Amino acid sequence: MAEIEQQAYGTGAAAAYLGSSLETMKYWRKRWPVDNYGPRWFRMGRRVMYLKADLDAFIAAQRQETGPPQPTAPRRRRRDSLTAGRE
């Protein structure tokens, strides 16, 4: 039998890995049955666990490619209201 090695994180470690809060992780778990949003999770006894591969897949799904920066119009300078009428 092949041995499967995957790194599993608890909620706090998964939140730190994603740069999220514990409250956000809890919110995503509540949304999961409704619209499958958030990283996949499972229970190990009473603990909620996340596989690193599932966290990476969630990050990849959220990532949006950006193109080169678009040129912007030059900004107009505001005149200081105190010196506006003194010139």
Protein backbone atom coordinates (compact mmCIF):
# COMPACT_ATOMS: atom_id res chain seq x y z
CA MET A 1 0.00 0.00 0.00
CA ALA A 2 1.38 3.39 -0.98
CA GLU A 3 1.94 5.78 1.85
CA ILE A 4 0.25 9.14 1.41
CA GLU A 5 2.01 12.06 3.04
CA GLN A 6 0.18 15.35 3.06
CA GLN A 7 0.69 18.20 5.45
CA ALA A 8 -2.43 19.02 7.47
CA TYR A 9 -3.01 22.29 9.32
CA GLY A 10 -5.35 23.18 12.16
CA THR A 11 -7.59 26.22 11.78
CA GLY A 12 -5.10 28.67 13.29
CA ALA A 13 -2.20 27.49 11.15
CA ALA A 14 -4.38 27.45 8.02
CA ALA A 15 -5.54 31.00 8.77
CA ALA A 16 -1.93 32.13 9.15
CA TYR A 17 -0.97 30.35 5.92
CA LEU A 18 -3.76 32.14 4.02
CA GLY A 19 -3.27 35.46 5.81
CA SER A 20 -6.83 35.30 7.14
CA SER A 21 -8.38 35.49 10.58
CA LEU A 22 -9.93 32.65 12.57
CA GLU A 23 -13.31 34.33 12.14
CA THR A 24 -12.92 34.29 8.36
CA MET A 25 -12.06 30.58 8.40
CA LYS A 26 -15.16 29.89 10.49
CA TYR A 27 -17.31 31.97 8.11
CA TRP A 28 -15.99 30.05 5.09
CA ARG A 29 -16.77 26.72 6.80
CA LYS A 30 -20.37 27.85 7.35
CA ARG A 31 -20.64 28.88 3.68
CA TRP A 32 -19.19 25.59 2.38
CA PRO A 33 -22.46 23.55 2.38
CA VAL A 34 -24.33 26.41 0.67
CA ASP A 35 -22.03 27.52 -2.14
CA ASN A 36 -18.76 25.57 -1.74
CA TYR A 37 -16.78 28.73 -1.00
CA GLY A 38 -13.58 28.57 0.99
CA PRO A 39 -10.85 25.97 1.26
CA ARG A 40 -11.86 22.32 1.65
CA TRP A 41 -11.72 21.05 5.23
CA PHE A 42 -12.37 17.90 7.21
CA ARG A 43 -12.72 16.83 10.81
CA MET A 44 -10.23 14.67 12.62
CA GLY A 45 -12.10 13.85 15.79
CA ARG A 46 -13.18 17.25 17.09
CA ARG A 47 -10.48 19.20 15.26
CA VAL A 48 -11.07 20.95 11.96
CA MET A 49 -8.18 20.32 9.60
CA TYR A 50 -7.05 21.63 6.21
CA LEU A 51 -4.68 19.91 3.79
CA LYS A 52 -1.92 22.12 2.40
CA ALA A 53 -2.83 21.02 -1.14
CA ASP A 54 -6.42 22.24 -0.58
CA LEU A 55 -5.19 25.58 0.76
CA ASP A 56 -2.93 25.99 -2.28
CA ALA A 57 -5.83 25.09 -4.60
CA PHE A 58 -8.00 27.72 -2.90
CA ILE A 59 -5.29 30.34 -3.37
CA ALA A 60 -4.93 29.41 -7.04
CA ALA A 61 -8.70 29.63 -7.57
CA GLN A 62 -8.82 33.13 -6.04
CA ARG A 63 -5.87 34.44 -7.99
CA GLN A 64 -6.66 36.86 -10.80
CA GLU A 65 -4.13 37.53 -13.49
CA THR A 66 -3.35 41.15 -14.08
CA GLY A 67 -2.03 42.67 -17.24
CA PRO A 68 0.52 45.42 -17.67
CA PRO A 69 -0.31 48.68 -15.93
CA GLN A 70 -2.65 50.91 -17.88
CA PRO A 71 -1.58 54.49 -18.59
CA THR A 72 -3.44 57.05 -16.54
CA ALA A 73 -4.15 60.69 -17.23
CA PRO A 74 -1.86 63.12 -15.42
CA ARG A 75 -3.34 64.42 -12.19
CA ARG A 76 -4.20 68.06 -11.94
CA ARG A 77 -2.62 69.92 -9.08
CA ARG A 78 -4.93 71.53 -6.57
CA ARG A 79 -4.20 75.05 -5.59
CA ASP A 80 -3.99 75.72 -1.90
CA SER A 81 -7.20 77.43 -0.77
CA LEU A 82 -5.25 79.94 1.35
CA THR A 83 -3.16 81.24 -1.55
CA ALA A 84 -5.76 80.86 -4.31
CA GLY A 85 -6.78 84.51 -4.47
CA ARG A 86 -3.44 86.14 -3.63
CA GLU A 87 -1.62 85.77 -6.93
